[in-house]
PDB file of N, CA and C in Angstrom:
ATOM      1  N   UNK A   1     138.596 180.240  60.403  1.00  0.00           N
ATOM      2  CA  UNK A   1     137.624 179.193  60.537  1.00  0.00           C
ATOM      3  C   UNK A   1     136.952 179.268  61.907  1.00  0.00           C
ATOM      4  N   UNK A   2     137.716 179.601  62.922  1.00  0.00           N
ATOM      5  CA  UNK A   2     137.149 179.705  64.275  1.00  0.00           C
ATOM      6  C   UNK A   2     136.117 180.850  64.321  1.00  0.00           C
ATOM      7  N   UNK A   3     136.386 181.947  63.658  1.00  0.00           N
ATOM      8  CA  UNK A   3     135.449 183.058  63.629  1.00  0.00           C
ATOM      9  C   UNK A   3     134.173 182.668  62.888  1.00  0.00           C
ATOM     10  N   UNK A   4     134.311 181.943  61.793  1.00  0.00           N
ATOM     11  CA  UNK A   4     133.144 181.490  61.030  1.00  0.00           C
ATOM     12  C   UNK A   4     132.329 180.547  61.887  1.00  0.00           C
ATOM     13  N   UNK A   5     132.988 179.667  62.610  1.00  0.00           N
ATOM     14  CA  UNK A   5     132.296 178.719  63.482  1.00  0.00           C
ATOM     15  C   UNK A   5     131.567 179.467  64.596  1.00  0.00           C
ATOM     16  N   UNK A   6     132.240 180.462  65.169  1.00  0.00           N
ATOM     17  CA  UNK A   6     131.629 181.277  66.232  1.00  0.00           C
ATOM     18  C   UNK A   6     130.402 182.013  65.705  1.00  0.00           C
ATOM     19  N   UNK A   7     130.488 182.515  64.491  1.00  0.00           N
ATOM     20  CA  UNK A   7     129.340 183.221  63.876  1.00  0.00           C
ATOM     21  C   UNK A   7     128.179 182.254  63.683  1.00  0.00           C
ATOM     22  N   UNK A   8     128.459 181.035  63.240  1.00  0.00           N
ATOM     23  CA  UNK A   8     127.404 180.027  63.060  1.00  0.00           C
ATOM     24  C   UNK A   8     126.730 179.691  64.380  1.00  0.00           C
ATOM     25  N   UNK A   9     127.521 179.574  65.434  1.00  0.00           N
ATOM     26  CA  UNK A   9     126.981 179.272  66.757  1.00  0.00           C
ATOM     27  C   UNK A   9     126.099 180.420  67.226  1.00  0.00           C
ATOM     28  N   UNK A  10     126.556 181.662  67.006  1.00  0.00           N
ATOM     29  CA  UNK A  10     125.764 182.828  67.408  1.00  0.00           C
ATOM     30  C   UNK A  10     124.432 182.873  66.658  1.00  0.00           C
ATOM     31  N   UNK A  11     124.466 182.582  65.381  1.00  0.00           N
ATOM     32  CA  UNK A  11     123.217 182.565  64.588  1.00  0.00           C
ATOM     33  C   UNK A  11     122.294 181.486  65.122  1.00  0.00           C
ATOM     34  N   UNK A  12     122.846 180.320  65.400  1.00  0.00           N
ATOM     35  CA  UNK A  12     122.032 179.196  65.891  1.00  0.00           C
ATOM     36  C   UNK A  12     121.393 179.550  67.235  1.00  0.00           C
ATOM     37  N   UNK A  13     122.110 180.266  68.088  1.00  0.00           N
ATOM     38  CA  UNK A  13     121.567 180.627  69.379  1.00  0.00           C
ATOM     39  C   UNK A  13     120.462 181.659  69.272  1.00  0.00           C
ATOM     40  N   UNK A  14     120.484 182.472  68.231  1.00  0.00           N
ATOM     41  CA  UNK A  14     119.469 183.491  68.047  1.00  0.00           C
ATOM     42  C   UNK A  14     118.180 182.949  67.426  1.00  0.00           C
ATOM     43  N   UNK A  15     118.261 181.790  66.795  1.00  0.00           N
ATOM     44  CA  UNK A  15     117.084 181.200  66.165  1.00  0.00           C
ATOM     45  C   UNK A  15     116.175 180.607  67.215  1.00  0.00           C
ATOM     46  N   UNK A  16     114.873 180.636  66.958  1.00  0.00           N
ATOM     47  CA  UNK A  16     113.964 180.000  67.925  1.00  0.00           C
ATOM     48  C   UNK A  16     114.158 178.483  67.958  1.00  0.00           C
ATOM     49  N   UNK A  17     113.830 177.896  69.097  1.00  0.00           N
ATOM     50  CA  UNK A  17     113.927 176.437  69.234  1.00  0.00           C
ATOM     51  C   UNK A  17     112.927 175.755  68.311  1.00  0.00           C
ATOM     52  N   UNK A  18     113.354 174.705  67.624  1.00  0.00           N
ATOM     53  CA  UNK A  18     112.416 173.985  66.775  1.00  0.00           C
ATOM     54  C   UNK A  18     111.359 173.275  67.635  1.00  0.00           C
ATOM     55  N   UNK A  19     110.194 173.062  67.054  1.00  0.00           N
ATOM     56  CA  UNK A  19     109.115 172.410  67.782  1.00  0.00           C
ATOM     57  C   UNK A  19     109.513 170.999  68.210  1.00  0.00           C
ATOM     58  N   UNK A  20     110.218 170.301  67.315  1.00  0.00           N
ATOM     59  CA  UNK A  20     110.730 168.982  67.687  1.00  0.00           C
ATOM     60  C   UNK A  20     112.171 168.918  67.251  1.00  0.00           C
ATOM     61  N   UNK A  21     113.014 168.381  68.107  1.00  0.00           N
ATOM     62  CA  UNK A  21     114.441 168.312  67.834  1.00  0.00           C
ATOM     63  C   UNK A  21     114.680 167.338  66.678  1.00  0.00           C
ATOM     64  N   UNK A  22     115.678 167.662  65.876  1.00  0.00           N
ATOM     65  CA  UNK A  22     116.012 166.792  64.753  1.00  0.00           C
ATOM     66  C   UNK A  22     117.513 166.668  64.702  1.00  0.00           C
ATOM     67  N   UNK A  23     117.985 165.460  64.471  1.00  0.00           N
ATOM     68  CA  UNK A  23     119.408 165.187  64.326  1.00  0.00           C
ATOM     69  C   UNK A  23     119.625 164.673  62.915  1.00  0.00           C
ATOM     70  N   UNK A  24     120.599 165.256  62.219  1.00  0.00           N
ATOM     71  CA  UNK A  24     120.913 164.842  60.861  1.00  0.00           C
ATOM     72  C   UNK A  24     122.373 164.398  60.848  1.00  0.00           C
ATOM     73  N   UNK A  25     122.597 163.150  60.540  1.00  0.00           N
ATOM     74  CA  UNK A  25     123.965 162.623  60.429  1.00  0.00           C
ATOM     75  C   UNK A  25     124.398 162.800  58.964  1.00  0.00           C
ATOM     76  N   UNK A  26     125.173 163.837  58.712  1.00  0.00           N
ATOM     77  CA  UNK A  26     125.540 164.142  57.339  1.00  0.00           C
ATOM     78  C   UNK A  26     126.448 163.094  56.702  1.00  0.00           C
ATOM     79  N   UNK A  27     127.037 162.230  57.511  1.00  0.00           N
ATOM     80  CA  UNK A  27     127.877 161.170  56.948  1.00  0.00           C
ATOM     81  C   UNK A  27     127.050 160.053  56.349  1.00  0.00           C
ATOM     82  N   UNK A  28     125.769 159.989  56.666  1.00  0.00           N
ATOM     83  CA  UNK A  28     124.922 158.922  56.170  1.00  0.00           C
ATOM     84  C   UNK A  28     123.815 159.388  55.246  1.00  0.00           C
ATOM     85  N   UNK A  29     123.520 160.663  55.235  1.00  0.00           N
ATOM     86  CA  UNK A  29     122.403 161.184  54.433  1.00  0.00           C
ATOM     87  C   UNK A  29     122.766 161.099  52.931  1.00  0.00           C
ATOM     88  N   UNK A  30     121.791 160.714  52.142  1.00  0.00           N
ATOM     89  CA  UNK A  30     121.955 160.620  50.699  1.00  0.00           C
ATOM     90  C   UNK A  30     121.399 161.886  50.035  1.00  0.00           C
ATOM     91  N   UNK A  31     121.785 162.103  48.807  1.00  0.00           N
ATOM     92  CA  UNK A  31     121.319 163.275  48.073  1.00  0.00           C
ATOM     93  C   UNK A  31     119.801 163.317  48.022  1.00  0.00           C
ATOM     94  N   UNK A  32     119.154 162.207  47.825  1.00  0.00           N
ATOM     95  CA  UNK A  32     117.700 162.185  47.748  1.00  0.00           C
ATOM     96  C   UNK A  32     117.087 162.683  49.056  1.00  0.00           C
ATOM     97  N   UNK A  33     117.645 162.285  50.185  1.00  0.00           N
ATOM     98  CA  UNK A  33     117.165 162.739  51.488  1.00  0.00           C
ATOM     99  C   UNK A  33     117.331 164.250  51.632  1.00  0.00           C
ATOM    100  N   UNK A  34     118.458 164.744  51.166  1.00  0.00           N
ATOM    101  CA  UNK A  34     118.708 166.190  51.195  1.00  0.00           C
ATOM    102  C   UNK A  34     117.682 166.933  50.353  1.00  0.00           C
ATOM    103  N   UNK A  35     117.410 166.433  49.152  1.00  0.00           N
ATOM    104  CA  UNK A  35     116.440 167.096  48.285  1.00  0.00           C
ATOM    105  C   UNK A  35     115.030 167.027  48.850  1.00  0.00           C
ATOM    106  N   UNK A  36     114.716 165.999  49.616  1.00  0.00           N
ATOM    107  CA  UNK A  36     113.392 165.842  50.194  1.00  0.00           C
ATOM    108  C   UNK A  36     113.225 166.593  51.510  1.00  0.00           C
ATOM    109  N   UNK A  37     114.282 167.226  51.993  1.00  0.00           N
ATOM    110  CA  UNK A  37     114.230 167.950  53.267  1.00  0.00           C
ATOM    111  C   UNK A  37     113.483 169.264  53.117  1.00  0.00           C
ATOM    112  N   UNK A  38     113.049 169.801  54.238  1.00  0.00           N
ATOM    113  CA  UNK A  38     112.358 171.090  54.228  1.00  0.00           C
ATOM    114  C   UNK A  38     113.367 172.200  53.888  1.00  0.00           C
ATOM    115  N   UNK A  39     112.832 173.332  53.471  1.00  0.00           N
ATOM    116  CA  UNK A  39     113.699 174.480  53.159  1.00  0.00           C
ATOM    117  C   UNK A  39     114.546 174.863  54.358  1.00  0.00           C
ATOM    118  N   UNK A  40     113.931 174.821  55.524  1.00  0.00           N
ATOM    119  CA  UNK A  40     114.658 175.180  56.745  1.00  0.00           C
ATOM    120  C   UNK A  40     115.820 174.239  57.006  1.00  0.00           C
ATOM    121  N   UNK A  41     115.573 172.932  56.849  1.00  0.00           N
ATOM    122  CA  UNK A  41     116.644 171.935  57.072  1.00  0.00           C
ATOM    123  C   UNK A  41     117.753 172.111  56.036  1.00  0.00           C
ATOM    124  N   UNK A  42     117.392 172.368  54.793  1.00  0.00           N
ATOM    125  CA  UNK A  42     118.374 172.585  53.739  1.00  0.00           C
ATOM    126  C   UNK A  42     119.227 173.815  54.087  1.00  0.00           C
ATOM    127  N   UNK A  43     118.594 174.864  54.575  1.00  0.00           N
ATOM    128  CA  UNK A  43     119.325 176.085  54.934  1.00  0.00           C
ATOM    129  C   UNK A  43     120.330 175.807  56.061  1.00  0.00           C
ATOM    130  N   UNK A  44     119.876 175.050  57.067  1.00  0.00           N
ATOM    131  CA  UNK A  44     120.777 174.705  58.176  1.00  0.00           C
ATOM    132  C   UNK A  44     121.956 173.867  57.680  1.00  0.00           C
ATOM    133  N   UNK A  45     121.668 172.891  56.845  1.00  0.00           N
ATOM    134  CA  UNK A  45     122.729 172.029  56.312  1.00  0.00           C
ATOM    135  C   UNK A  45     123.695 172.844  55.474  1.00  0.00           C
ATOM    136  N   UNK A  46     123.168 173.741  54.640  1.00  0.00           N
ATOM    137  CA  UNK A  46     124.052 174.567  53.792  1.00  0.00           C
ATOM    138  C   UNK A  46     124.940 175.463  54.649  1.00  0.00           C
ATOM    139  N   UNK A  47     124.380 176.004  55.719  1.00  0.00           N
ATOM    140  CA  UNK A  47     125.198 176.856  56.610  1.00  0.00           C
ATOM    141  C   UNK A  47     126.315 176.039  57.225  1.00  0.00           C
ATOM    142  N   UNK A  48     125.977 174.804  57.663  1.00  0.00           N
ATOM    143  CA  UNK A  48     127.011 173.944  58.264  1.00  0.00           C
ATOM    144  C   UNK A  48     128.069 173.589  57.214  1.00  0.00           C
ATOM    145  N   UNK A  49     127.631 173.206  56.026  1.00  0.00           N
ATOM    146  CA  UNK A  49     128.578 172.832  54.970  1.00  0.00           C
ATOM    147  C   UNK A  49     129.495 173.999  54.609  1.00  0.00           C
ATOM    148  N   UNK A  50     128.918 175.192  54.542  1.00  0.00           N
ATOM    149  CA  UNK A  50     129.738 176.355  54.206  1.00  0.00           C
ATOM    150  C   UNK A  50     130.829 176.569  55.242  1.00  0.00           C
ATOM    151  N   UNK A  51     130.474 176.409  56.518  1.00  0.00           N
ATOM    152  CA  UNK A  51     131.499 176.528  57.563  1.00  0.00           C
ATOM    153  C   UNK A  51     132.503 175.403  57.512  1.00  0.00           C
ATOM    154  N   UNK A  52     132.036 174.192  57.247  1.00  0.00           N
ATOM    155  CA  UNK A  52     132.913 173.009  57.202  1.00  0.00           C
ATOM    156  C   UNK A  52     133.947 173.145  56.104  1.00  0.00           C
ATOM    157  N   UNK A  53     133.525 173.657  54.957  1.00  0.00           N
ATOM    158  CA  UNK A  53     134.438 173.767  53.815  1.00  0.00           C
ATOM    159  C   UNK A  53     135.169 175.100  53.730  1.00  0.00           C
ATOM    160  N   UNK A  54     135.032 175.922  54.756  1.00  0.00           N
ATOM    161  CA  UNK A  54     135.770 177.197  54.809  1.00  0.00           C
ATOM    162  C   UNK A  54     137.155 176.909  55.383  1.00  0.00           C
ATOM    163  N   UNK A  55     138.164 177.393  54.707  1.00  0.00           N
ATOM    164  CA  UNK A  55     139.536 177.205  55.181  1.00  0.00           C
ATOM    165  C   UNK A  55     139.811 177.973  56.446  1.00  0.00           C
ATOM    166  N   UNK A  56     140.734 177.463  57.219  1.00  0.00           N
ATOM    167  CA  UNK A  56     141.090 178.097  58.498  1.00  0.00           C
ATOM    168  C   UNK A  56     141.583 179.523  58.298  1.00  0.00           C
ATOM    169  N   UNK A  57     142.266 179.786  57.198  1.00  0.00           N
ATOM    170  CA  UNK A  57     142.806 181.108  56.930  1.00  0.00           C
ATOM    171  C   UNK A  57     141.868 182.002  56.143  1.00  0.00           C
ATOM    172  N   UNK A  58     140.701 181.478  55.746  1.00  0.00           N
ATOM    173  CA  UNK A  58     139.722 182.276  55.025  1.00  0.00           C
ATOM    174  C   UNK A  58     139.104 183.325  55.959  1.00  0.00           C
ATOM    175  N   UNK A  59     138.675 184.453  55.398  1.00  0.00           N
ATOM    176  CA  UNK A  59     138.041 185.460  56.248  1.00  0.00           C
ATOM    177  C   UNK A  59     136.714 184.942  56.821  1.00  0.00           C
ATOM    178  N   UNK A  60     136.358 185.443  57.978  1.00  0.00           N
ATOM    179  CA  UNK A  60     135.130 185.042  58.642  1.00  0.00           C
ATOM    180  C   UNK A  60     133.967 185.821  58.072  1.00  0.00           C
ATOM    181  N   UNK A  61     133.559 185.449  56.868  1.00  0.00           N
ATOM    182  CA  UNK A  61     132.505 186.145  56.129  1.00  0.00           C
ATOM    183  C   UNK A  61     131.453 185.138  55.714  1.00  0.00           C
ATOM    184  N   UNK A  62     130.198 185.493  55.904  1.00  0.00           N
ATOM    185  CA  UNK A  62     129.099 184.675  55.399  1.00  0.00           C
ATOM    186  C   UNK A  62     128.546 185.389  54.169  1.00  0.00           C
ATOM    187  N   UNK A  63     128.754 184.796  53.026  1.00  0.00           N
ATOM    188  CA  UNK A  63     128.296 185.367  51.746  1.00  0.00           C
ATOM    189  C   UNK A  63     127.026 184.609  51.328  1.00  0.00           C
ATOM    190  N   UNK A  64     125.877 185.188  51.609  1.00  0.00           N
ATOM    191  CA  UNK A  64     124.630 184.503  51.344  1.00  0.00           C
ATOM    192  C   UNK A  64     124.376 184.291  49.867  1.00  0.00           C
ATOM    193  N   UNK A  65     124.825 185.211  49.027  1.00  0.00           N
ATOM    194  CA  UNK A  65     124.682 185.027  47.577  1.00  0.00           C
ATOM    195  C   UNK A  65     125.503 183.831  47.095  1.00  0.00           C
ATOM    196  N   UNK A  66     126.728 183.721  47.589  1.00  0.00           N
ATOM    197  CA  UNK A  66     127.564 182.563  47.223  1.00  0.00           C
ATOM    198  C   UNK A  66     126.987 181.269  47.765  1.00  0.00           C
ATOM    199  N   UNK A  67     126.446 181.317  48.988  1.00  0.00           N
ATOM    200  CA  UNK A  67     125.849 180.128  49.557  1.00  0.00           C
ATOM    201  C   UNK A  67     124.638 179.705  48.731  1.00  0.00           C
ATOM    202  N   UNK A  68     123.895 180.665  48.208  1.00  0.00           N
ATOM    203  CA  UNK A  68     122.739 180.359  47.371  1.00  0.00           C
ATOM    204  C   UNK A  68     123.196 179.673  46.064  1.00  0.00           C
ATOM    205  N   UNK A  69     124.307 180.145  45.505  1.00  0.00           N
ATOM    206  CA  UNK A  69     124.846 179.522  44.279  1.00  0.00           C
ATOM    207  C   UNK A  69     125.317 178.106  44.576  1.00  0.00           C
ATOM    208  N   UNK A  70     125.997 177.921  45.692  1.00  0.00           N
ATOM    209  CA  UNK A  70     126.469 176.587  46.072  1.00  0.00           C
ATOM    210  C   UNK A  70     125.295 175.665  46.336  1.00  0.00           C
ATOM    211  N   UNK A  71     124.258 176.179  46.949  1.00  0.00           N
ATOM    212  CA  UNK A  71     123.060 175.393  47.207  1.00  0.00           C
ATOM    213  C   UNK A  71     122.426 174.932  45.893  1.00  0.00           C
ATOM    214  N   UNK A  72     122.367 175.821  44.917  1.00  0.00           N
ATOM    215  CA  UNK A  72     121.805 175.467  43.602  1.00  0.00           C
ATOM    216  C   UNK A  72     122.662 174.405  42.932  1.00  0.00           C
ATOM    217  N   UNK A  73     124.001 174.551  43.020  1.00  0.00           N
ATOM    218  CA  UNK A  73     124.886 173.565  42.411  1.00  0.00           C
ATOM    219  C   UNK A  73     124.764 172.215  43.123  1.00  0.00           C
ATOM    220  N   UNK A  74     124.663 172.244  44.455  1.00  0.00           N
ATOM    221  CA  UNK A  74     124.512 171.000  45.203  1.00  0.00           C
ATOM    222  C   UNK A  74     123.176 170.345  44.876  1.00  0.00           C
ATOM    223  N   UNK A  75     122.122 171.129  44.759  1.00  0.00           N
ATOM    224  CA  UNK A  75     120.810 170.608  44.400  1.00  0.00           C
ATOM    225  C   UNK A  75     120.828 169.970  43.025  1.00  0.00           C
ATOM    226  N   UNK A  76     121.501 170.609  42.064  1.00  0.00           N
ATOM    227  CA  UNK A  76     121.594 170.057  40.708  1.00  0.00           C
ATOM    228  C   UNK A  76     122.388 168.766  40.708  1.00  0.00           C
ATOM    229  N   UNK A  77     123.499 168.736  41.447  1.00  0.00           N
ATOM    230  CA  UNK A  77     124.318 167.535  41.538  1.00  0.00           C
ATOM    231  C   UNK A  77     123.497 166.374  42.143  1.00  0.00           C
ATOM    232  N   UNK A  78     122.790 166.705  43.233  1.00  0.00           N
ATOM    233  CA  UNK A  78     122.000 165.668  43.913  1.00  0.00           C
ATOM    234  C   UNK A  78     120.844 165.185  43.041  1.00  0.00           C
ATOM    235  N   UNK A  79     120.252 166.072  42.251  1.00  0.00           N
ATOM    236  CA  UNK A  79     119.168 165.646  41.367  1.00  0.00           C
ATOM    237  C   UNK A  79     119.683 164.654  40.320  1.00  0.00           C
ATOM    238  N   UNK A  80     120.924 164.838  39.867  1.00  0.00           N
ATOM    239  CA  UNK A  80     121.525 163.907  38.904  1.00  0.00           C
ATOM    240  C   UNK A  80     122.021 162.623  39.569  1.00  0.00           C
ATOM    241  N   UNK A  81     122.325 162.697  40.858  1.00  0.00           N
ATOM    242  CA  UNK A  81     122.941 161.568  41.578  1.00  0.00           C
ATOM    243  C   UNK A  81     122.247 161.332  42.929  1.00  0.00           C
ATOM    244  N   UNK A  82     120.989 160.956  42.932  1.00  0.00           N
ATOM    245  CA  UNK A  82     120.250 160.850  44.203  1.00  0.00           C
ATOM    246  C   UNK A  82     120.768 159.802  45.174  1.00  0.00           C
ATOM    247  N   UNK A  83     121.536 158.825  44.704  1.00  0.00           N
ATOM    248  CA  UNK A  83     122.029 157.781  45.601  1.00  0.00           C
ATOM    249  C   UNK A  83     123.401 158.108  46.191  1.00  0.00           C
ATOM    250  N   UNK A  84     124.025 159.189  45.720  1.00  0.00           N
ATOM    251  CA  UNK A  84     125.331 159.567  46.280  1.00  0.00           C
ATOM    252  C   UNK A  84     125.127 160.116  47.703  1.00  0.00           C
ATOM    253  N   UNK A  85     126.169 159.944  48.512  1.00  0.00           N
ATOM    254  CA  UNK A  85     126.162 160.532  49.846  1.00  0.00           C
ATOM    255  C   UNK A  85     126.266 162.041  49.743  1.00  0.00           C
ATOM    256  N   UNK A  86     125.613 162.736  50.666  1.00  0.00           N
ATOM    257  CA  UNK A  86     125.626 164.205  50.622  1.00  0.00           C
ATOM    258  C   UNK A  86     127.035 164.759  50.787  1.00  0.00           C
ATOM    259  N   UNK A  87     127.836 164.168  51.645  1.00  0.00           N
ATOM    260  CA  UNK A  87     129.204 164.684  51.857  1.00  0.00           C
ATOM    261  C   UNK A  87     130.054 164.504  50.587  1.00  0.00           C
ATOM    262  N   UNK A  88     129.829 163.413  49.874  1.00  0.00           N
ATOM    263  CA  UNK A  88     130.524 163.182  48.596  1.00  0.00           C
ATOM    264  C   UNK A  88     130.120 164.288  47.616  1.00  0.00           C
ATOM    265  N   UNK A  89     128.820 164.564  47.547  1.00  0.00           N
ATOM    266  CA  UNK A  89     128.323 165.600  46.655  1.00  0.00           C
ATOM    267  C   UNK A  89     128.871 166.983  47.064  1.00  0.00           C
ATOM    268  N   UNK A  90     128.892 167.230  48.357  1.00  0.00           N
ATOM    269  CA  UNK A  90     129.376 168.512  48.856  1.00  0.00           C
ATOM    270  C   UNK A  90     130.855 168.725  48.531  1.00  0.00           C
ATOM    271  N   UNK A  91     131.631 167.657  48.592  1.00  0.00           N
ATOM    272  CA  UNK A  91     133.050 167.780  48.248  1.00  0.00           C
ATOM    273  C   UNK A  91     133.217 168.205  46.802  1.00  0.00           C
ATOM    274  N   UNK A  92     132.332 167.737  45.946  1.00  0.00           N
ATOM    275  CA  UNK A  92     132.382 168.104  44.538  1.00  0.00           C
ATOM    276  C   UNK A  92     131.988 169.560  44.308  1.00  0.00           C
ATOM    277  N   UNK A  93     131.045 170.037  45.091  1.00  0.00           N
ATOM    278  CA  UNK A  93     130.444 171.350  44.855  1.00  0.00           C
ATOM    279  C   UNK A  93     131.044 172.456  45.723  1.00  0.00           C
ATOM    280  N   UNK A  94     131.219 172.198  47.002  1.00  0.00           N
ATOM    281  CA  UNK A  94     131.568 173.249  47.954  1.00  0.00           C
ATOM    282  C   UNK A  94     133.019 173.706  47.837  1.00  0.00           C
ATOM    283  N   UNK A  95     133.894 172.877  47.419  1.00  0.00           N
ATOM    284  CA  UNK A  95     135.309 173.235  47.378  1.00  0.00           C
ATOM    285  C   UNK A  95     135.676 174.010  46.112  1.00  0.00           C
ATOM    286  N   UNK A  96     134.746 174.120  45.173  1.00  0.00           N
ATOM    287  CA  UNK A  96     135.072 174.783  43.905  1.00  0.00           C
ATOM    288  C   UNK A  96     134.748 176.251  43.957  1.00  0.00           C
TER     289      UNK A  96
END
């Protein structure tokens, strides 16, 4: 998990600075808000969620194809349940 976190930090440091800073509190965001977000914001959130739900003993691997599948499942779940919290939805989708 530490290696995955370090990889995420390295990726974040290599990305250009956004024009305006944005803070997303994932404990309060609803599925509808997630679906209404920009592609870039969704990608950042998915990267964070993938790291968050990666087990400590899991290999430090970023599987973009798997992340794309999880993103599609999370999007489908959120489309059916727009009032659910994003973290609740992610628990249903990301751990499977």
